[in-house]
Structures are given as C-alpha cells and as structure tokens.
PDB file of all heavy atoms in Angstrom:
ATOM      1  N   GLU A   1      -7.359   4.462 -61.840  1.00  0.00           N
ATOM      2  CA  GLU A   1      -6.486   4.243 -60.695  1.00  0.00           C
ATOM      3  C   GLU A   1      -5.745   5.531 -60.319  1.00  0.00           C
ATOM      4  O   GLU A   1      -5.568   5.836 -59.129  1.00  0.00           O
ATOM      5  CB  GLU A   1      -5.480   3.136 -61.010  1.00  0.00           C
ATOM      6  CG  GLU A   1      -4.460   2.864 -59.918  1.00  0.00           C
ATOM      7  CD  GLU A   1      -5.048   2.427 -58.598  1.00  0.00           C
ATOM      8  OE1 GLU A   1      -6.243   2.019 -58.561  1.00  0.00           O
ATOM      9  OE2 GLU A   1      -4.330   2.481 -57.578  1.00  0.00           O
ATOM     10  N   ILE A   2      -5.328   6.297 -61.323  1.00  0.00           N
ATOM     11  CA  ILE A   2      -4.684   7.582 -61.053  1.00  0.00           C
ATOM     12  C   ILE A   2      -5.642   8.507 -60.304  1.00  0.00           C
ATOM     13  O   ILE A   2      -5.253   9.158 -59.321  1.00  0.00           O
ATOM     14  CB  ILE A   2      -4.210   8.231 -62.374  1.00  0.00           C
ATOM     15  CG1 ILE A   2      -2.933   7.546 -62.874  1.00  0.00           C
ATOM     16  CG2 ILE A   2      -3.977   9.731 -62.191  1.00  0.00           C
ATOM     17  CD1 ILE A   2      -2.487   8.012 -64.247  1.00  0.00           C
ATOM     18  N   GLU A   3      -6.887   8.570 -60.748  1.00  0.00           N
ATOM     19  CA  GLU A   3      -7.855   9.445 -60.091  1.00  0.00           C
ATOM     20  C   GLU A   3      -8.131   8.979 -58.666  1.00  0.00           C
ATOM     21  O   GLU A   3      -8.310   9.797 -57.754  1.00  0.00           O
ATOM     22  CB  GLU A   3      -9.145   9.500 -60.911  1.00  0.00           C
ATOM     23  CG  GLU A   3      -9.015  10.293 -62.198  1.00  0.00           C
ATOM     24  CD  GLU A   3      -8.408  11.663 -61.971  1.00  0.00           C
ATOM     25  OE1 GLU A   3      -8.930  12.420 -61.111  1.00  0.00           O
ATOM     26  OE2 GLU A   3      -7.408  11.990 -62.624  1.00  0.00           O
ATOM     27  N   ARG A   4      -8.154   7.659 -58.448  1.00  0.00           N
ATOM     28  CA  ARG A   4      -8.346   7.140 -57.105  1.00  0.00           C
ATOM     29  C   ARG A   4      -7.202   7.580 -56.199  1.00  0.00           C
ATOM     30  O   ARG A   4      -7.428   8.023 -55.056  1.00  0.00           O
ATOM     31  CB  ARG A   4      -8.430   5.607 -57.143  1.00  0.00           C
ATOM     32  CG  ARG A   4      -8.773   4.977 -55.794  1.00  0.00           C
ATOM     33  CD  ARG A   4      -8.576   3.475 -55.826  1.00  0.00           C
ATOM     34  NE  ARG A   4      -7.165   3.111 -55.809  1.00  0.00           N
ATOM     35  CZ  ARG A   4      -6.410   3.062 -54.708  1.00  0.00           C
ATOM     36  NH1 ARG A   4      -6.924   3.387 -53.533  1.00  0.00           N
ATOM     37  NH2 ARG A   4      -5.143   2.706 -54.787  1.00  0.00           N
ATOM     38  N   ARG A   5      -5.986   7.478 -56.700  1.00  0.00           N
ATOM     39  CA  ARG A   5      -4.825   7.868 -55.897  1.00  0.00           C
ATOM     40  C   ARG A   5      -4.770   9.380 -55.681  1.00  0.00           C
ATOM     41  O   ARG A   5      -4.395   9.839 -54.602  1.00  0.00           O
ATOM     42  CB  ARG A   5      -3.544   7.374 -56.567  1.00  0.00           C
ATOM     43  CG  ARG A   5      -3.432   5.867 -56.589  1.00  0.00           C
ATOM     44  CD  ARG A   5      -2.102   5.395 -57.108  1.00  0.00           C
ATOM     45  NE  ARG A   5      -2.041   3.943 -57.121  1.00  0.00           N
ATOM     46  CZ  ARG A   5      -0.918   3.247 -57.029  1.00  0.00           C
ATOM     47  NH1 ARG A   5       0.243   3.876 -56.922  1.00  0.00           N
ATOM     48  NH2 ARG A   5      -0.940   1.940 -57.053  1.00  0.00           N
ATOM     49  N   ARG A   6      -5.131  10.133 -56.701  1.00  0.00           N
ATOM     50  CA  ARG A   6      -5.128  11.595 -56.535  1.00  0.00           C
ATOM     51  C   ARG A   6      -6.125  11.996 -55.447  1.00  0.00           C
ATOM     52  O   ARG A   6      -5.831  12.847 -54.605  1.00  0.00           O
ATOM     53  CB  ARG A   6      -5.462  12.280 -57.869  1.00  0.00           C
ATOM     54  CG  ARG A   6      -5.482  13.795 -57.785  1.00  0.00           C
ATOM     55  CD  ARG A   6      -5.545  14.452 -59.143  1.00  0.00           C
ATOM     56  NE  ARG A   6      -4.232  14.511 -59.768  1.00  0.00           N
ATOM     57  CZ  ARG A   6      -3.324  15.445 -59.515  1.00  0.00           C
ATOM     58  NH1 ARG A   6      -3.562  16.396 -58.625  1.00  0.00           N
ATOM     59  NH2 ARG A   6      -2.165  15.440 -60.132  1.00  0.00           N
ATOM     60  N   ALA A   7      -7.306  11.381 -55.438  1.00  0.00           N
ATOM     61  CA  ALA A   7      -8.296  11.676 -54.409  1.00  0.00           C
ATOM     62  C   ALA A   7      -7.795  11.256 -53.027  1.00  0.00           C
ATOM     63  O   ALA A   7      -7.992  11.961 -52.036  1.00  0.00           O
ATOM     64  CB  ALA A   7      -9.611  10.971 -54.729  1.00  0.00           C
ATOM     65  N   LEU A   8      -7.108  10.121 -52.966  1.00  0.00           N
ATOM     66  CA  LEU A   8      -6.600   9.605 -51.699  1.00  0.00           C
ATOM     67  C   LEU A   8      -5.488  10.485 -51.154  1.00  0.00           C
ATOM     68  O   LEU A   8      -5.449  10.793 -49.956  1.00  0.00           O
ATOM     69  CB  LEU A   8      -6.093   8.173 -51.903  1.00  0.00           C
ATOM     70  CG  LEU A   8      -5.493   7.450 -50.708  1.00  0.00           C
ATOM     71  CD1 LEU A   8      -6.546   7.204 -49.635  1.00  0.00           C
ATOM     72  CD2 LEU A   8      -4.861   6.135 -51.151  1.00  0.00           C
ATOM     73  N   TRP A   9      -4.574  10.879 -52.016  1.00  0.00           N
ATOM     74  CA  TRP A   9      -3.382  11.597 -51.578  1.00  0.00           C
ATOM     75  C   TRP A   9      -3.582  13.104 -51.504  1.00  0.00           C
ATOM     76  O   TRP A   9      -3.023  13.774 -50.650  1.00  0.00           O
ATOM     77  CB  TRP A   9      -2.208  11.281 -52.508  1.00  0.00           C
ATOM     78  CG  TRP A   9      -1.732   9.865 -52.406  1.00  0.00           C
ATOM     79  CD1 TRP A   9      -1.878   9.027 -51.338  1.00  0.00           C
ATOM     80  CD2 TRP A   9      -1.025   9.120 -53.399  1.00  0.00           C
ATOM     81  NE1 TRP A   9      -1.305   7.797 -51.618  1.00  0.00           N
ATOM     82  CE2 TRP A   9      -0.767   7.826 -52.867  1.00  0.00           C
ATOM     83  CE3 TRP A   9      -0.574   9.402 -54.687  1.00  0.00           C
ATOM     84  CZ2 TRP A   9      -0.088   6.834 -53.588  1.00  0.00           C
ATOM     85  CZ3 TRP A   9       0.095   8.413 -55.398  1.00  0.00           C
ATOM     86  CH2 TRP A   9       0.334   7.148 -54.843  1.00  0.00           C
ATOM     87  N   LEU A  10      -4.346  13.649 -52.434  1.00  0.00           N
ATOM     88  CA  LEU A  10      -4.502  15.101 -52.501  1.00  0.00           C
ATOM     89  C   LEU A  10      -5.844  15.585 -51.957  1.00  0.00           C
ATOM     90  O   LEU A  10      -6.109  16.787 -51.961  1.00  0.00           O
ATOM     91  CB  LEU A  10      -4.324  15.581 -53.941  1.00  0.00           C
ATOM     92  CG  LEU A  10      -2.869  15.594 -54.421  1.00  0.00           C
ATOM     93  CD1 LEU A  10      -2.799  15.566 -55.940  1.00  0.00           C
ATOM     94  CD2 LEU A  10      -2.131  16.807 -53.897  1.00  0.00           C
ATOM     95  N   ARG A  11      -6.686  14.641 -51.521  1.00  0.00           N
ATOM     96  CA  ARG A  11      -7.973  14.993 -50.903  1.00  0.00           C
ATOM     97  C   ARG A  11      -8.784  15.913 -51.816  1.00  0.00           C
ATOM     98  O   ARG A  11      -9.413  16.869 -51.371  1.00  0.00           O
ATOM     99  CB  ARG A  11      -7.753  15.654 -49.532  1.00  0.00           C
ATOM    100  CG  ARG A  11      -6.723  14.923 -48.652  1.00  0.00           C
ATOM    101  CD  ARG A  11      -7.286  13.704 -47.973  1.00  0.00           C
ATOM    102  NE  ARG A  11      -6.278  12.847 -47.387  1.00  0.00           N
ATOM    103  CZ  ARG A  11      -5.728  13.028 -46.170  1.00  0.00           C
ATOM    104  NH1 ARG A  11      -6.060  14.067 -45.442  1.00  0.00           N
ATOM    105  NH2 ARG A  11      -4.844  12.171 -45.702  1.00  0.00           N
ATOM    106  N   ASN A  12      -8.706  15.622 -53.139  1.00  0.00           N
ATOM    107  CA  ASN A  12      -9.488  16.330 -54.156  1.00  0.00           C
ATOM    108  C   ASN A  12      -9.114  17.804 -54.329  1.00  0.00           C
ATOM    109  O   ASN A  12      -9.887  18.588 -54.889  1.00  0.00           O
ATOM    110  CB  ASN A  12     -10.992  16.193 -53.876  1.00  0.00           C
ATOM    111  CG  ASN A  12     -11.455  14.749 -54.012  1.00  0.00           C
ATOM    112  OD1 ASN A  12     -11.121  14.081 -54.978  1.00  0.00           O
ATOM    113  ND2 ASN A  12     -12.212  14.268 -53.038  1.00  0.00           N
ATOM    114  N   ARG A  13      -7.922  18.194 -53.842  1.00  0.00           N
ATOM    115  CA  ARG A  13      -7.447  19.542 -54.182  1.00  0.00           C
ATOM    116  C   ARG A  13      -7.201  19.604 -55.682  1.00  0.00           C
ATOM    117  O   ARG A  13      -6.672  18.657 -56.268  1.00  0.00           O
ATOM    118  CB  ARG A  13      -6.154  19.863 -53.421  1.00  0.00           C
ATOM    119  CG  ARG A  13      -6.356  20.103 -51.939  1.00  0.00           C
ATOM    120  CD  ARG A  13      -5.104  20.671 -51.279  1.00  0.00           C
ATOM    121  NE  ARG A  13      -3.981  19.737 -51.342  1.00  0.00           N
ATOM    122  CZ  ARG A  13      -3.784  18.747 -50.479  1.00  0.00           C
ATOM    123  NH1 ARG A  13      -4.647  18.532 -49.494  1.00  0.00           N
ATOM    124  NH2 ARG A  13      -2.739  17.961 -50.586  1.00  0.00           N
ATOM    125  N   PRO A  14      -7.558  20.696 -56.347  1.00  0.00           N
ATOM    126  CA  PRO A  14      -7.394  20.773 -57.804  1.00  0.00           C
ATOM    127  C   PRO A  14      -5.913  20.820 -58.191  1.00  0.00           C
ATOM    128  O   PRO A  14      -5.076  21.315 -57.416  1.00  0.00           O
ATOM    129  CB  PRO A  14      -8.105  22.077 -58.187  1.00  0.00           C
ATOM    130  CG  PRO A  14      -8.063  22.894 -56.928  1.00  0.00           C
ATOM    131  CD  PRO A  14      -8.168  21.921 -55.800  1.00  0.00           C
ATOM    132  N   PRO A  15      -5.566  20.314 -59.378  1.00  0.00           N
ATOM    133  CA  PRO A  15      -4.177  20.385 -59.835  1.00  0.00           C
ATOM    134  C   PRO A  15      -3.710  21.830 -59.951  1.00  0.00           C
ATOM    135  O   PRO A  15      -4.491  22.737 -60.233  1.00  0.00           O
ATOM    136  CB  PRO A  15      -4.224  19.714 -61.218  1.00  0.00           C
ATOM    137  CG  PRO A  15      -5.454  18.878 -61.204  1.00  0.00           C
ATOM    138  CD  PRO A  15      -6.438  19.608 -60.340  1.00  0.00           C
ATOM    139  N   VAL A  16      -2.424  22.042 -59.737  1.00  0.00           N
ATOM    140  CA  VAL A  16      -1.834  23.373 -59.881  1.00  0.00           C
ATOM    141  C   VAL A  16      -1.683  23.688 -61.372  1.00  0.00           C
ATOM    142  O   VAL A  16      -1.229  22.838 -62.149  1.00  0.00           O
ATOM    143  CB  VAL A  16      -0.451  23.428 -59.196  1.00  0.00           C
ATOM    144  CG1 VAL A  16       0.198  24.791 -59.407  1.00  0.00           C
ATOM    145  CG2 VAL A  16      -0.583  23.125 -57.708  1.00  0.00           C
ATOM    146  N   ALA A  17      -2.068  24.876 -61.782  1.00  0.00           N
ATOM    147  CA  ALA A  17      -1.928  25.289 -63.177  1.00  0.00           C
ATOM    148  C   ALA A  17      -0.447  25.418 -63.531  1.00  0.00           C
ATOM    149  O   ALA A  17       0.335  25.999 -62.774  1.00  0.00           O
ATOM    150  CB  ALA A  17      -2.651  26.611 -63.417  1.00  0.00           C
ATOM    151  N   LEU A  18      -0.055  24.892 -64.689  1.00  0.00           N
ATOM    152  CA  LEU A  18       1.351  24.874 -65.080  1.00  0.00           C
ATOM    153  C   LEU A  18       1.686  25.872 -66.187  1.00  0.00           C
ATOM    154  O   LEU A  18       2.865  26.147 -66.415  1.00  0.00           O
ATOM    155  CB  LEU A  18       1.735  23.460 -65.559  1.00  0.00           C
ATOM    156  CG  LEU A  18       1.460  22.302 -64.592  1.00  0.00           C
ATOM    157  CD1 LEU A  18       1.916  20.992 -65.209  1.00  0.00           C
ATOM    158  CD2 LEU A  18       2.142  22.540 -63.249  1.00  0.00           C
ATOM    159  N   ALA A  19       0.688  26.406 -66.851  1.00  0.00           N
ATOM    160  CA  ALA A  19       0.942  27.278 -68.000  1.00  0.00           C
ATOM    161  C   ALA A  19       1.789  28.480 -67.597  1.00  0.00           C
ATOM    162  O   ALA A  19       1.485  29.183 -66.626  1.00  0.00           O
ATOM    163  CB  ALA A  19      -0.381  27.751 -68.600  1.00  0.00           C
ATOM    164  N   GLY A  20       2.860  28.698 -68.337  1.00  0.00           N
ATOM    165  CA  GLY A  20       3.725  29.843 -68.118  1.00  0.00           C
ATOM    166  C   GLY A  20       4.651  29.736 -66.923  1.00  0.00           C
ATOM    167  O   GLY A  20       5.409  30.667 -66.645  1.00  0.00           O
ATOM    168  N   ARG A  21       4.627  28.625 -66.210  1.00  0.00           N
ATOM    169  CA  ARG A  21       5.447  28.468 -65.016  1.00  0.00           C
ATOM    170  C   ARG A  21       6.684  27.616 -65.315  1.00  0.00           C
ATOM    171  O   ARG A  21       6.722  26.858 -66.279  1.00  0.00           O
ATOM    172  CB  ARG A  21       4.646  27.770 -63.892  1.00  0.00           C
ATOM    173  CG  ARG A  21       3.317  28.404 -63.545  1.00  0.00           C
ATOM    174  CD  ARG A  21       3.450  29.653 -62.707  1.00  0.00           C
ATOM    175  NE  ARG A  21       3.825  29.370 -61.325  1.00  0.00           N
ATOM    176  CZ  ARG A  21       2.965  29.186 -60.341  1.00  0.00           C
ATOM    177  NH1 ARG A  21       1.653  29.225 -60.569  1.00  0.00           N
ATOM    178  NH2 ARG A  21       3.389  28.986 -59.104  1.00  0.00           N
ATOM    179  N   SER A  22       7.691  27.742 -64.466  1.00  0.00           N
ATOM    180  CA  SER A  22       8.829  26.816 -64.495  1.00  0.00           C
ATOM    181  C   SER A  22       8.431  25.600 -63.674  1.00  0.00           C
ATOM    182  O   SER A  22       8.113  25.723 -62.486  1.00  0.00           O
ATOM    183  CB  SER A  22      10.076  27.466 -63.892  1.00  0.00           C
ATOM    184  OG  SER A  22      10.562  28.495 -64.730  1.00  0.00           O
ATOM    185  N   VAL A  23       8.412  24.436 -64.310  1.00  0.00           N
ATOM    186  CA  VAL A  23       7.960  23.209 -63.661  1.00  0.00           C
ATOM    187  C   VAL A  23       9.169  22.322 -63.377  1.00  0.00           C
ATOM    188  O   VAL A  23       9.972  22.044 -64.274  1.00  0.00           O
ATOM    189  CB  VAL A  23       6.947  22.461 -64.545  1.00  0.00           C
ATOM    190  CG1 VAL A  23       6.542  21.140 -63.887  1.00  0.00           C
ATOM    191  CG2 VAL A  23       5.724  23.329 -64.790  1.00  0.00           C
ATOM    192  N   ILE A  24       9.284  21.897 -62.129  1.00  0.00           N
ATOM    193  CA  ILE A  24      10.404  21.047 -61.708  1.00  0.00           C
ATOM    194  C   ILE A  24       9.850  19.670 -61.361  1.00  0.00           C
ATOM    195  O   ILE A  24       9.114  19.517 -60.383  1.00  0.00           O
ATOM    196  CB  ILE A  24      11.145  21.646 -60.502  1.00  0.00           C
ATOM    197  CG1 ILE A  24      11.563  23.092 -60.788  1.00  0.00           C
ATOM    198  CG2 ILE A  24      12.359  20.794 -60.149  1.00  0.00           C
ATOM    199  CD1 ILE A  24      12.173  23.804 -59.581  1.00  0.00           C
ATOM    200  N   ILE A  25      10.182  18.666 -62.163  1.00  0.00           N
ATOM    201  CA  ILE A  25       9.768  17.288 -61.919  1.00  0.00           C
ATOM    202  C   ILE A  25      10.813  16.638 -61.017  1.00  0.00           C
ATOM    203  O   ILE A  25      11.996  16.607 -61.357  1.00  0.00           O
ATOM    204  CB  ILE A  25       9.639  16.508 -63.242  1.00  0.00           C
ATOM    205  CG1 ILE A  25       8.585  17.158 -64.145  1.00  0.00           C
ATOM    206  CG2 ILE A  25       9.287  15.049 -62.980  1.00  0.00           C
ATOM    207  CD1 ILE A  25       8.544  16.584 -65.557  1.00  0.00           C
ATOM    208  N   VAL A  26      10.360  16.139 -59.869  1.00  0.00           N
ATOM    209  CA  VAL A  26      11.279  15.657 -58.835  1.00  0.00           C
ATOM    210  C   VAL A  26      11.001  14.193 -58.498  1.00  0.00           C
ATOM    211  O   VAL A  26       9.843  13.778 -58.395  1.00  0.00           O
ATOM    212  CB  VAL A  26      11.144  16.514 -57.554  1.00  0.00           C
ATOM    213  CG1 VAL A  26      12.006  15.949 -56.431  1.00  0.00           C
ATOM    214  CG2 VAL A  26      11.527  17.966 -57.838  1.00  0.00           C
ATOM    215  N   ASP A  27      12.074  13.415 -58.322  1.00  0.00           N
ATOM    216  CA  ASP A  27      11.953  12.050 -57.824  1.00  0.00           C
ATOM    217  C   ASP A  27      13.079  11.790 -56.839  1.00  0.00           C
ATOM    218  O   ASP A  27      14.010  12.598 -56.715  1.00  0.00           O
ATOM    219  CB  ASP A  27      11.990  11.045 -58.978  1.00  0.00           C
ATOM    220  CG  ASP A  27      11.232   9.753 -58.652  1.00  0.00           C
ATOM    221  OD1 ASP A  27      10.877   9.552 -57.478  1.00  0.00           O
ATOM    222  OD2 ASP A  27      11.011   8.947 -59.588  1.00  0.00           O
ATOM    223  N   ASP A  28      13.014  10.644 -56.136  1.00  0.00           N
ATOM    224  CA  ASP A  28      14.056  10.331 -55.160  1.00  0.00           C
ATOM    225  C   ASP A  28      15.304   9.738 -55.802  1.00  0.00           C
ATOM    226  O   ASP A  28      16.318   9.519 -55.149  1.00  0.00           O
ATOM    227  CB  ASP A  28      13.533   9.399 -54.061  1.00  0.00           C
ATOM    228  CG  ASP A  28      12.929   8.110 -54.602  1.00  0.00           C
ATOM    229  OD1 ASP A  28      13.049   7.850 -55.818  1.00  0.00           O
ATOM    230  OD2 ASP A  28      12.332   7.356 -53.807  1.00  0.00           O
ATOM    231  N   GLY A  29      15.234   9.508 -57.086  1.00  0.00           N
ATOM    232  CA  GLY A  29      16.335   8.973 -57.869  1.00  0.00           C
ATOM    233  C   GLY A  29      15.758   8.488 -59.179  1.00  0.00           C
ATOM    234  O   GLY A  29      14.555   8.207 -59.276  1.00  0.00           O
ATOM    235  N   ILE A  30      16.575   8.417 -60.204  1.00  0.00           N
ATOM    236  CA  ILE A  30      16.098   7.999 -61.526  1.00  0.00           C
ATOM    237  C   ILE A  30      17.028   6.909 -62.034  1.00  0.00           C
ATOM    238  O   ILE A  30      18.247   7.077 -62.046  1.00  0.00           O
ATOM    239  CB  ILE A  30      16.061   9.185 -62.506  1.00  0.00           C
ATOM    240  CG1 ILE A  30      15.138  10.290 -61.969  1.00  0.00           C
ATOM    241  CG2 ILE A  30      15.590   8.738 -63.880  1.00  0.00           C
ATOM    242  CD1 ILE A  30      15.160  11.576 -62.780  1.00  0.00           C
ATOM    243  N   ALA A  31      16.447   5.795 -62.449  1.00  0.00           N
ATOM    244  CA  ALA A  31      17.252   4.675 -62.945  1.00  0.00           C
ATOM    245  C   ALA A  31      17.274   4.690 -64.475  1.00  0.00           C
ATOM    246  O   ALA A  31      18.198   5.203 -65.086  1.00  0.00           O
ATOM    247  CB  ALA A  31      16.709   3.363 -62.401  1.00  0.00           C
ATOM    248  N   THR A  32      16.229   4.158 -65.119  1.00  0.00           N
ATOM    249  CA  THR A  32      16.209   4.128 -66.589  1.00  0.00           C
ATOM    250  C   THR A  32      15.741   5.445 -67.182  1.00  0.00           C
ATOM    251  O   THR A  32      16.079   5.759 -68.323  1.00  0.00           O
ATOM    252  CB  THR A  32      15.281   3.018 -67.099  1.00  0.00           C
ATOM    253  OG1 THR A  32      13.919   3.342 -66.764  1.00  0.00           O
ATOM    254  CG2 THR A  32      15.652   1.677 -66.496  1.00  0.00           C
ATOM    255  N   GLY A  33      14.925   6.196 -66.429  1.00  0.00           N
ATOM    256  CA  GLY A  33      14.393   7.459 -66.936  1.00  0.00           C
ATOM    257  C   GLY A  33      13.116   7.318 -67.738  1.00  0.00           C
ATOM    258  O   GLY A  33      12.561   8.320 -68.189  1.00  0.00           O
ATOM    259  N   ALA A  34      12.618   6.096 -67.931  1.00  0.00           N
ATOM    260  CA  ALA A  34      11.442   5.895 -68.780  1.00  0.00           C
ATOM    261  C   ALA A  34      10.224   6.648 -68.244  1.00  0.00           C
ATOM    262  O   ALA A  34       9.529   7.347 -68.994  1.00  0.00           O
ATOM    263  CB  ALA A  34      11.136   4.407 -68.895  1.00  0.00           C
ATOM    264  N   THR A  35       9.963   6.520 -66.963  1.00  0.00           N
ATOM    265  CA  THR A  35       8.811   7.199 -66.367  1.00  0.00           C
ATOM    266  C   THR A  35       8.964   8.707 -66.433  1.00  0.00           C
ATOM    267  O   THR A  35       8.023   9.436 -66.768  1.00  0.00           O
ATOM    268  CB  THR A  35       8.643   6.755 -64.904  1.00  0.00           C
ATOM    269  OG1 THR A  35       8.399   5.349 -64.869  1.00  0.00           O
ATOM    270  CG2 THR A  35       7.496   7.482 -64.238  1.00  0.00           C
ATOM    271  N   THR A  36      10.164   9.188 -66.162  1.00  0.00           N
ATOM    272  CA  THR A  36      10.409  10.630 -66.170  1.00  0.00           C
ATOM    273  C   THR A  36      10.251  11.201 -67.579  1.00  0.00           C
ATOM    274  O   THR A  36       9.715  12.306 -67.752  1.00  0.00           O
ATOM    275  CB  THR A  36      11.821  10.924 -65.643  1.00  0.00           C
ATOM    276  OG1 THR A  36      12.012  10.248 -64.410  1.00  0.00           O
ATOM    277  CG2 THR A  36      12.025  12.410 -65.438  1.00  0.00           C
ATOM    278  N   ARG A  37      10.685  10.468 -68.581  1.00  0.00           N
ATOM    279  CA  ARG A  37      10.561  10.950 -69.964  1.00  0.00           C
ATOM    280  C   ARG A  37       9.100  11.087 -70.367  1.00  0.00           C
ATOM    281  O   ARG A  37       8.714  12.038 -71.060  1.00  0.00           O
ATOM    282  CB  ARG A  37      11.297  10.015 -70.911  1.00  0.00           C
ATOM    283  CG  ARG A  37      12.815  10.012 -70.699  1.00  0.00           C
ATOM    284  CD  ARG A  37      13.493   8.944 -71.523  1.00  0.00           C
ATOM    285  NE  ARG A  37      13.471   9.284 -72.944  1.00  0.00           N
ATOM    286  CZ  ARG A  37      13.846   8.429 -73.908  1.00  0.00           C
ATOM    287  NH1 ARG A  37      14.248   7.213 -73.584  1.00  0.00           N
ATOM    288  NH2 ARG A  37      13.807   8.811 -75.162  1.00  0.00           N
ATOM    289  N   VAL A  38       8.270  10.142 -69.951  1.00  0.00           N
ATOM    290  CA  VAL A  38       6.831  10.237 -70.224  1.00  0.00           C
ATOM    291  C   VAL A  38       6.245  11.445 -69.507  1.00  0.00           C
ATOM    292  O   VAL A  38       5.430  12.187 -70.061  1.00  0.00           O
ATOM    293  CB  VAL A  38       6.119   8.938 -69.792  1.00  0.00           C
ATOM    294  CG1 VAL A  38       4.608   9.098 -69.901  1.00  0.00           C
ATOM    295  CG2 VAL A  38       6.588   7.768 -70.649  1.00  0.00           C
ATOM    296  N   ALA A  39       6.675  11.670 -68.263  1.00  0.00           N
ATOM    297  CA  ALA A  39       6.187  12.819 -67.499  1.00  0.00           C
ATOM    298  C   ALA A  39       6.554  14.129 -68.187  1.00  0.00           C
ATOM    299  O   ALA A  39       5.748  15.068 -68.246  1.00  0.00           O
ATOM    300  CB  ALA A  39       6.749  12.776 -66.085  1.00  0.00           C
ATOM    301  N   ILE A  40       7.766  14.222 -68.709  1.00  0.00           N
ATOM    302  CA  ILE A  40       8.198  15.442 -69.409  1.00  0.00           C
ATOM    303  C   ILE A  40       7.278  15.732 -70.596  1.00  0.00           C
ATOM    304  O   ILE A  40       6.813  16.868 -70.789  1.00  0.00           O
ATOM    305  CB  ILE A  40       9.655  15.299 -69.896  1.00  0.00           C
ATOM    306  CG1 ILE A  40      10.626  15.287 -68.710  1.00  0.00           C
ATOM    307  CG2 ILE A  40      10.020  16.443 -70.860  1.00  0.00           C
ATOM    308  CD1 ILE A  40      12.042  14.884 -69.092  1.00  0.00           C
ATOM    309  N   LYS A  41       6.986  14.706 -71.394  1.00  0.00           N
ATOM    310  CA  LYS A  41       6.124  14.887 -72.571  1.00  0.00           C
ATOM    311  C   LYS A  41       4.741  15.374 -72.167  1.00  0.00           C
ATOM    312  O   LYS A  41       4.160  16.267 -72.802  1.00  0.00           O
ATOM    313  CB  LYS A  41       6.018  13.569 -73.337  1.00  0.00           C
ATOM    314  CG  LYS A  41       7.295  13.153 -74.041  1.00  0.00           C
ATOM    315  CD  LYS A  41       7.105  11.834 -74.773  1.00  0.00           C
ATOM    316  CE  LYS A  41       8.388  11.394 -75.451  1.00  0.00           C
ATOM    317  NZ  LYS A  41       8.244  10.099 -76.156  1.00  0.00           N
ATOM    318  N   ALA A  42       4.202  14.799 -71.103  1.00  0.00           N
ATOM    319  CA  ALA A  42       2.862  15.182 -70.666  1.00  0.00           C
ATOM    320  C   ALA A  42       2.842  16.597 -70.113  1.00  0.00           C
ATOM    321  O   ALA A  42       1.943  17.382 -70.412  1.00  0.00           O
ATOM    322  CB  ALA A  42       2.377  14.195 -69.614  1.00  0.00           C
ATOM    323  N   VAL A  43       3.838  16.951 -69.322  1.00  0.00           N
ATOM    324  CA  VAL A  43       3.887  18.284 -68.704  1.00  0.00           C
ATOM    325  C   VAL A  43       4.019  19.366 -69.782  1.00  0.00           C
ATOM    326  O   VAL A  43       3.410  20.440 -69.670  1.00  0.00           O
ATOM    327  CB  VAL A  43       5.044  18.351 -67.693  1.00  0.00           C
ATOM    328  CG1 VAL A  43       5.329  19.791 -67.278  1.00  0.00           C
ATOM    329  CG2 VAL A  43       4.725  17.504 -66.464  1.00  0.00           C
ATOM    330  N   ARG A  44       4.770  19.099 -70.815  1.00  0.00           N
ATOM    331  CA  ARG A  44       4.941  20.099 -71.882  1.00  0.00           C
ATOM    332  C   ARG A  44       3.607  20.483 -72.524  1.00  0.00           C
ATOM    333  O   ARG A  44       3.442  21.621 -72.979  1.00  0.00           O
ATOM    334  CB  ARG A  44       5.913  19.582 -72.938  1.00  0.00           C
ATOM    335  CG  ARG A  44       7.367  19.611 -72.504  1.00  0.00           C
ATOM    336  CD  ARG A  44       8.296  19.624 -73.705  1.00  0.00           C
ATOM    337  NE  ARG A  44       9.685  19.484 -73.338  1.00  0.00           N
ATOM    338  CZ  ARG A  44      10.461  20.484 -72.898  1.00  0.00           C
ATOM    339  NH1 ARG A  44       9.941  21.691 -72.742  1.00  0.00           N
ATOM    340  NH2 ARG A  44      11.730  20.268 -72.604  1.00  0.00           N
ATOM    341  N   ARG A  45       2.671  19.562 -72.567  1.00  0.00           N
ATOM    342  CA  ARG A  45       1.371  19.861 -73.185  1.00  0.00           C
ATOM    343  C   ARG A  45       0.607  20.934 -72.421  1.00  0.00           C
ATOM    344  O   ARG A  45      -0.294  21.562 -72.966  1.00  0.00           O
ATOM    345  CB  ARG A  45       0.528  18.590 -73.262  1.00  0.00           C
ATOM    346  CG  ARG A  45       0.970  17.641 -74.361  1.00  0.00           C
ATOM    347  CD  ARG A  45       0.038  16.462 -74.500  1.00  0.00           C
ATOM    348  NE  ARG A  45      -1.357  16.860 -74.705  1.00  0.00           N
ATOM    349  CZ  ARG A  45      -2.332  15.993 -74.934  1.00  0.00           C
ATOM    350  NH1 ARG A  45      -2.084  14.704 -74.959  1.00  0.00           N
ATOM    351  NH2 ARG A  45      -3.567  16.414 -75.108  1.00  0.00           N
TER     352      ARG A  45
END
C-alpha cells in the first residue's frame, strides 16, 4: 500500500538520499507522537 501511494503521489520519482543530511520530519500537528517516533527510528537507519 505504501508503494502504491508513493507511485500515486510521487509519480515514481526516486526517494531523496538522506545519508549525511539534516532531515526535518514535518507534520501539520502531532498528537500522541506514535507515528512520528516510528518515523524517527526508520530515518536514522
């Protein structure tokens, strides 16, 4: 489902390389933070 949405929204543009960069995870607001915490763990890899 993620790949389907990425193709739909990003028109198959490749992901931006994150190694060595400052990465800013942005949302319109954060309530519990559960989703954002998972995103942080994944981005660090």
